[in-house]
């Protein structure tokens, strides 16, 4: 099989193309492949390369250290000036949009633990294959981050309300087999068989099929998944009001400081702080 490699100076990802499949590997294990501005920008460039080279699929992998596939947001880069940490145009959101919109299948190949925004990265992919010791956790509540509506909708659409609530409210990891049972991932394999499973069950069939057909179908999935969740504009205004109260509040700053200082946060906010005038039914 012919392999092409693209080396970008100082890039946090490596890109290689083998037999019409683009492999993107996060390669910043010292920082647990956190989704920093540079990592997200490098990922966007790599995704564009995979599409430009007319690949039939893109596979996202990671060099792991301490058993971590990706630790999610780079907490050091979260704003503390009252601005939205998950606005539509921040680097991580741009990367997630790119994964969702690029018109060929994107597959996450996961070994190790997946935390926070990296869990959203995986759900933004079209398919996920994971080692049997992989775990997934969405952790904004541990830091005091108000997650955004589009991210929450990923989880609701994929997992249903109850499991999505469990993951967000508890912020504890779920194991690969549990993730498989609730539809978060597509297939689980022993770690030593992960590459073989990826090749046999995902890449070989994709190479046989019509990339033009799959491209059209992926776009339809994207449009139809959005159409199933039409929300009145006033509801989005309420969502933004709730989120603004959080990221402009003391708990958000405390969560960031506690993480950087490697201690347990001491949150002081109350649920009633979101709206002290009435219950919102």
Protein backbone atom coordinates (compact mmCIF):
# COMPACT_ATOMS: atom_id res chain seq x y z
CA UNK A 1 0.00 0.00 0.00
CA UNK A 2 1.33 3.39 -0.96
CA UNK A 3 1.76 5.83 1.92
CA UNK A 4 2.18 9.59 1.66
CA UNK A 5 3.26 11.65 4.64
CA UNK A 6 2.95 15.37 5.10
CA UNK A 7 5.22 16.96 7.67
CA UNK A 8 4.28 20.39 8.97
CA UNK A 9 6.97 22.16 10.93
CA UNK A 10 6.00 22.45 14.60
CA UNK A 11 2.60 20.91 13.92
CA UNK A 12 0.85 19.08 16.76
CA UNK A 13 -0.60 16.55 14.33
CA UNK A 14 0.88 14.20 11.74
CA UNK A 15 -0.89 13.51 8.45
CA UNK A 16 -0.39 10.46 6.26
CA UNK A 17 -2.38 8.97 3.39
CA UNK A 18 -2.44 5.20 2.87
CA UNK A 19 -4.56 3.53 0.20
CA UNK A 20 -6.93 6.51 -0.08
CA UNK A 21 -7.40 6.92 3.67
CA UNK A 22 -6.08 10.00 5.51
CA UNK A 23 -4.73 9.27 8.99
CA UNK A 24 -4.50 12.26 11.33
CA UNK A 25 -2.66 11.62 14.59
CA UNK A 26 -2.57 14.04 17.49
CA UNK A 27 1.02 14.06 18.67
CA UNK A 28 1.25 16.16 21.79
CA UNK A 29 1.17 13.42 24.46
CA UNK A 30 3.20 15.53 26.90
CA UNK A 31 0.14 17.80 27.17
CA UNK A 32 -2.23 14.82 26.84
CA UNK A 33 -3.27 16.03 23.37
CA UNK A 34 -5.34 18.84 24.87
CA UNK A 35 -7.39 20.79 22.36
CA UNK A 36 -5.37 23.98 22.39
CA UNK A 37 -5.73 26.71 19.78
CA UNK A 38 -2.76 25.29 17.87
CA UNK A 39 -4.02 21.70 18.07
CA UNK A 40 -7.44 22.72 16.77
CA UNK A 41 -5.99 24.85 13.97
CA UNK A 42 -3.61 22.04 12.96
CA UNK A 43 -6.53 19.59 12.94
CA UNK A 44 -8.57 21.87 10.66
CA UNK A 45 -5.64 22.06 8.23
CA UNK A 46 -5.20 18.28 8.32
CA UNK A 47 -8.91 17.65 7.70
CA UNK A 48 -8.76 19.98 4.71
CA UNK A 49 -5.77 18.04 3.38
CA UNK A 50 -7.61 14.74 3.67
CA UNK A 51 -10.49 16.12 1.63
CA UNK A 52 -8.23 17.88 -0.88
CA UNK A 53 -6.36 14.63 -1.57
CA UNK A 54 -9.67 12.93 -2.45
CA UNK A 55 -9.49 10.34 0.30
CA UNK A 56 -12.46 8.06 0.98
CA UNK A 57 -12.21 8.55 4.75
CA UNK A 58 -10.31 10.35 7.49
CA UNK A 59 -9.19 8.56 10.68
CA UNK A 60 -8.37 10.57 13.80
CA UNK A 61 -5.92 8.88 16.19
CA UNK A 62 -3.64 9.99 19.02
CA UNK A 63 -0.27 9.26 20.56
CA UNK A 64 -1.21 8.33 24.13
CA UNK A 65 0.67 8.90 27.34
CA UNK A 66 -0.62 7.95 30.79
CA UNK A 67 -3.53 6.26 29.05
CA UNK A 68 -5.07 9.51 27.77
CA UNK A 69 -6.29 9.84 24.16
CA UNK A 70 -7.13 13.51 24.67
CA UNK A 71 -7.76 15.59 27.79
CA UNK A 72 -10.13 17.97 25.99
CA UNK A 73 -10.01 21.75 26.35
CA UNK A 74 -6.74 23.41 27.18
CA UNK A 75 -7.94 24.90 30.46
CA UNK A 76 -5.09 27.44 30.43
CA UNK A 77 -6.63 29.04 27.33
CA UNK A 78 -10.17 29.45 28.66
CA UNK A 79 -11.10 33.16 28.82
CA UNK A 80 -11.67 34.76 32.21
CA UNK A 81 -12.74 38.19 30.95
CA UNK A 82 -16.46 37.43 30.78
CA UNK A 83 -16.42 36.26 27.16
CA UNK A 84 -18.00 33.00 26.01
CA UNK A 85 -15.50 30.10 26.23
CA UNK A 86 -17.48 28.11 23.65
CA UNK A 87 -18.56 30.77 21.17
CA UNK A 88 -19.34 29.65 17.64
CA UNK A 89 -16.02 30.85 16.19
CA UNK A 90 -13.49 29.73 18.82
CA UNK A 91 -10.83 27.30 17.49
CA UNK A 92 -12.31 24.16 19.06
CA UNK A 93 -15.79 24.90 17.72
CA UNK A 94 -14.35 25.57 14.25
CA UNK A 95 -12.61 22.19 14.38
CA UNK A 96 -15.84 20.40 15.41
CA UNK A 97 -17.76 22.12 12.60
CA UNK A 98 -15.07 21.03 10.13
CA UNK A 99 -15.32 17.38 11.25
CA UNK A 100 -19.08 17.49 10.88
CA UNK A 101 -19.12 19.29 7.53
CA UNK A 102 -16.20 17.71 5.61
CA UNK A 103 -17.93 15.64 2.96
CA UNK A 104 -16.24 12.28 3.62
CA UNK A 105 -16.59 9.99 6.67
CA UNK A 106 -14.45 10.85 9.69
CA UNK A 107 -13.68 7.97 12.07
CA UNK A 108 -12.31 8.36 15.59
CA UNK A 109 -9.99 5.49 16.55
CA UNK A 110 -9.72 5.65 20.33
CA UNK A 111 -7.49 3.97 22.88
CA UNK A 112 -7.29 5.36 26.38
CA UNK A 113 -9.45 7.94 28.12
CA UNK A 114 -11.35 10.75 26.39
CA UNK A 115 -12.20 13.85 28.43
CA UNK A 116 -14.33 16.96 28.03
CA UNK A 117 -14.26 18.59 24.62
CA UNK A 118 -12.47 15.55 23.18
CA UNK A 119 -15.64 13.56 23.90
CA UNK A 120 -17.49 16.11 21.74
CA UNK A 121 -14.77 15.67 19.11
CA UNK A 122 -15.51 11.94 19.01
CA UNK A 123 -19.27 12.49 18.77
CA UNK A 124 -18.69 14.95 15.93
CA UNK A 125 -17.07 12.12 13.96
CA UNK A 126 -19.28 9.89 11.83
CA UNK A 127 -18.14 6.66 13.48
CA UNK A 128 -16.06 5.63 16.49
CA UNK A 129 -14.06 2.44 17.05
CA UNK A 130 -12.54 2.06 20.50
CA UNK A 131 -10.30 -0.25 22.48
CA UNK A 132 -12.12 -2.20 25.15
CA UNK A 133 -10.32 -0.26 27.90
CA UNK A 134 -11.26 3.16 26.52
CA UNK A 135 -13.41 5.51 28.61
CA UNK A 136 -15.43 8.63 27.77
CA UNK A 137 -16.31 11.54 30.07
CA UNK A 138 -17.86 14.95 29.39
CA UNK A 139 -16.67 17.17 32.23
CA UNK A 140 -17.79 20.84 32.03
CA UNK A 141 -19.49 20.55 35.44
CA UNK A 142 -16.13 19.70 37.03
CA UNK A 143 -14.69 23.02 35.84
CA UNK A 144 -17.84 25.16 36.02
CA UNK A 145 -18.14 25.61 32.25
CA UNK A 146 -21.61 26.23 30.74
CA UNK A 147 -21.59 23.89 27.75
CA UNK A 148 -23.13 25.21 24.54
CA UNK A 149 -26.41 24.13 22.94
CA UNK A 150 -24.86 22.55 19.84
CA UNK A 151 -22.59 20.36 21.95
CA UNK A 152 -25.44 19.23 24.18
CA UNK A 153 -27.52 18.41 21.10
CA UNK A 154 -24.73 16.09 19.88
CA UNK A 155 -25.14 14.04 23.03
CA UNK A 156 -28.94 14.12 23.04
CA UNK A 157 -29.11 13.02 19.40
CA UNK A 158 -26.57 10.27 19.92
CA UNK A 159 -27.43 8.97 23.38
CA UNK A 160 -30.94 10.10 24.24
CA UNK A 161 -31.87 12.43 27.08
CA UNK A 162 -31.27 10.17 30.06
CA UNK A 163 -27.74 9.05 29.21
CA UNK A 164 -26.81 12.57 28.07
CA UNK A 165 -28.01 13.96 31.41
CA UNK A 166 -26.04 11.30 33.28
CA UNK A 167 -22.82 12.10 31.46
CA UNK A 168 -23.15 15.88 31.88
CA UNK A 169 -24.49 15.94 35.45
CA UNK A 170 -22.11 13.33 36.93
CA UNK A 171 -19.03 14.05 34.75
CA UNK A 172 -17.77 10.52 35.46
CA UNK A 173 -16.26 8.27 32.77
CA UNK A 174 -18.29 5.55 31.09
CA UNK A 175 -16.51 2.44 29.87
CA UNK A 176 -16.29 1.31 26.25
CA UNK A 177 -18.91 -1.43 26.51
CA UNK A 178 -21.39 0.95 28.16
CA UNK A 179 -20.62 3.50 25.43
CA UNK A 180 -21.30 0.81 22.82
CA UNK A 181 -24.60 -0.17 24.41
CA UNK A 182 -25.95 3.38 24.42
CA UNK A 183 -24.81 4.15 20.87
CA UNK A 184 -21.95 6.51 21.66
CA UNK A 185 -19.49 4.31 19.71
CA UNK A 186 -19.85 1.83 16.85
CA UNK A 187 -17.50 -1.00 17.72
CA UNK A 188 -15.24 -2.18 20.57
CA UNK A 189 -12.12 -4.31 20.12
CA UNK A 190 -9.27 -5.54 22.31
CA UNK A 191 -6.46 -2.99 22.17
CA UNK A 192 -4.17 -5.37 20.24
CA UNK A 193 -6.89 -5.87 17.60
CA UNK A 194 -7.95 -2.24 17.25
CA UNK A 195 -6.06 -1.54 14.00
CA UNK A 196 -7.30 -4.80 12.45
CA UNK A 197 -10.88 -3.98 13.43
CA UNK A 198 -10.57 -0.48 12.00
CA UNK A 199 -9.26 -1.87 8.70
CA UNK A 200 -11.62 -4.82 8.30
CA UNK A 201 -14.87 -3.34 9.53
CA UNK A 202 -14.55 0.28 8.44
CA UNK A 203 -11.83 1.12 5.91
CA UNK A 204 -12.06 -1.89 3.57
CA UNK A 205 -15.83 -1.46 3.03
CA UNK A 206 -15.42 2.30 2.54
CA UNK A 207 -12.82 1.78 -0.17
CA UNK A 208 -15.26 -0.47 -2.05
CA UNK A 209 -18.16 1.96 -1.93
CA UNK A 210 -18.98 5.10 -3.91
CA UNK A 211 -17.39 8.11 -2.23
CA UNK A 212 -19.77 10.38 -4.16
CA UNK A 213 -22.78 8.54 -2.79
CA UNK A 214 -21.38 8.54 0.76
CA UNK A 215 -20.61 12.26 0.49
CA UNK A 216 -24.21 13.04 -0.45
CA UNK A 217 -25.55 10.77 2.29
CA UNK A 218 -23.30 12.37 4.95
CA UNK A 219 -24.61 15.79 4.00
CA UNK A 220 -28.18 14.50 4.27
CA UNK A 221 -27.52 13.04 7.72
CA UNK A 222 -26.17 16.42 8.81
CA UNK A 223 -29.16 18.39 7.47
CA UNK A 224 -31.77 15.94 8.74
CA UNK A 225 -30.26 15.69 12.22
CA UNK A 226 -30.54 19.48 12.49
CA UNK A 227 -34.09 19.48 11.12
CA UNK A 228 -35.25 17.15 13.88
CA UNK A 229 -34.47 19.73 16.55
CA UNK A 230 -36.03 23.02 15.48
CA UNK A 231 -35.99 25.32 18.52
CA UNK A 232 -37.77 28.70 18.76
CA UNK A 233 -35.45 31.71 18.74
CA UNK A 234 -36.63 32.78 22.21
CA UNK A 235 -35.39 29.43 23.57
CA UNK A 236 -31.90 30.17 22.26
CA UNK A 237 -32.07 33.57 23.95
CA UNK A 238 -32.90 31.84 27.25
CA UNK A 239 -30.05 29.35 26.71
CA UNK A 240 -27.59 32.19 26.12
CA UNK A 241 -28.84 34.01 29.23
CA UNK A 242 -28.25 30.91 31.39
CA UNK A 243 -24.80 30.32 29.93
CA UNK A 244 -23.74 33.96 30.31
CA UNK A 245 -24.61 33.89 34.02
CA UNK A 246 -22.26 30.93 34.40
CA UNK A 247 -19.19 32.04 32.46
CA UNK A 248 -19.36 35.51 33.97
CA UNK A 249 -19.74 34.09 37.49
CA UNK A 250 -17.37 33.13 40.30
CA UNK A 251 -17.74 29.35 39.93
CA UNK A 252 -16.33 29.45 36.39
CA UNK A 253 -13.20 31.32 37.53
CA UNK A 254 -12.86 29.07 40.58
CA UNK A 255 -13.04 25.95 38.41
CA UNK A 256 -10.23 27.18 36.16
CA UNK A 257 -8.03 28.26 39.07
CA UNK A 258 -8.58 24.98 40.92
CA UNK A 259 -7.65 22.96 37.84
CA UNK A 260 -4.46 24.93 37.29
CA UNK A 261 -3.58 24.71 40.98
CA UNK A 262 -4.31 20.95 41.03
CA UNK A 263 -6.87 21.13 43.84
CA UNK A 264 -10.57 20.43 44.29
CA UNK A 265 -12.72 23.44 43.37
CA UNK A 266 -14.81 25.12 46.06
CA UNK A 267 -17.94 26.12 44.17
CA UNK A 268 -20.25 28.60 45.91
CA UNK A 269 -22.94 29.30 43.31
CA UNK A 270 -26.57 28.19 43.66
CA UNK A 271 -28.97 26.99 40.97
CA UNK A 272 -31.24 29.90 41.90
CA UNK A 273 -28.50 32.30 40.79
CA UNK A 274 -29.53 31.62 37.18
CA UNK A 275 -32.95 33.18 37.71
CA UNK A 276 -34.20 34.45 41.06
CA UNK A 277 -37.53 35.75 39.75
CA UNK A 278 -39.45 32.62 38.71
CA UNK A 279 -39.35 28.99 37.83
CA UNK A 280 -38.98 28.46 34.08
CA UNK A 281 -41.37 25.77 32.86
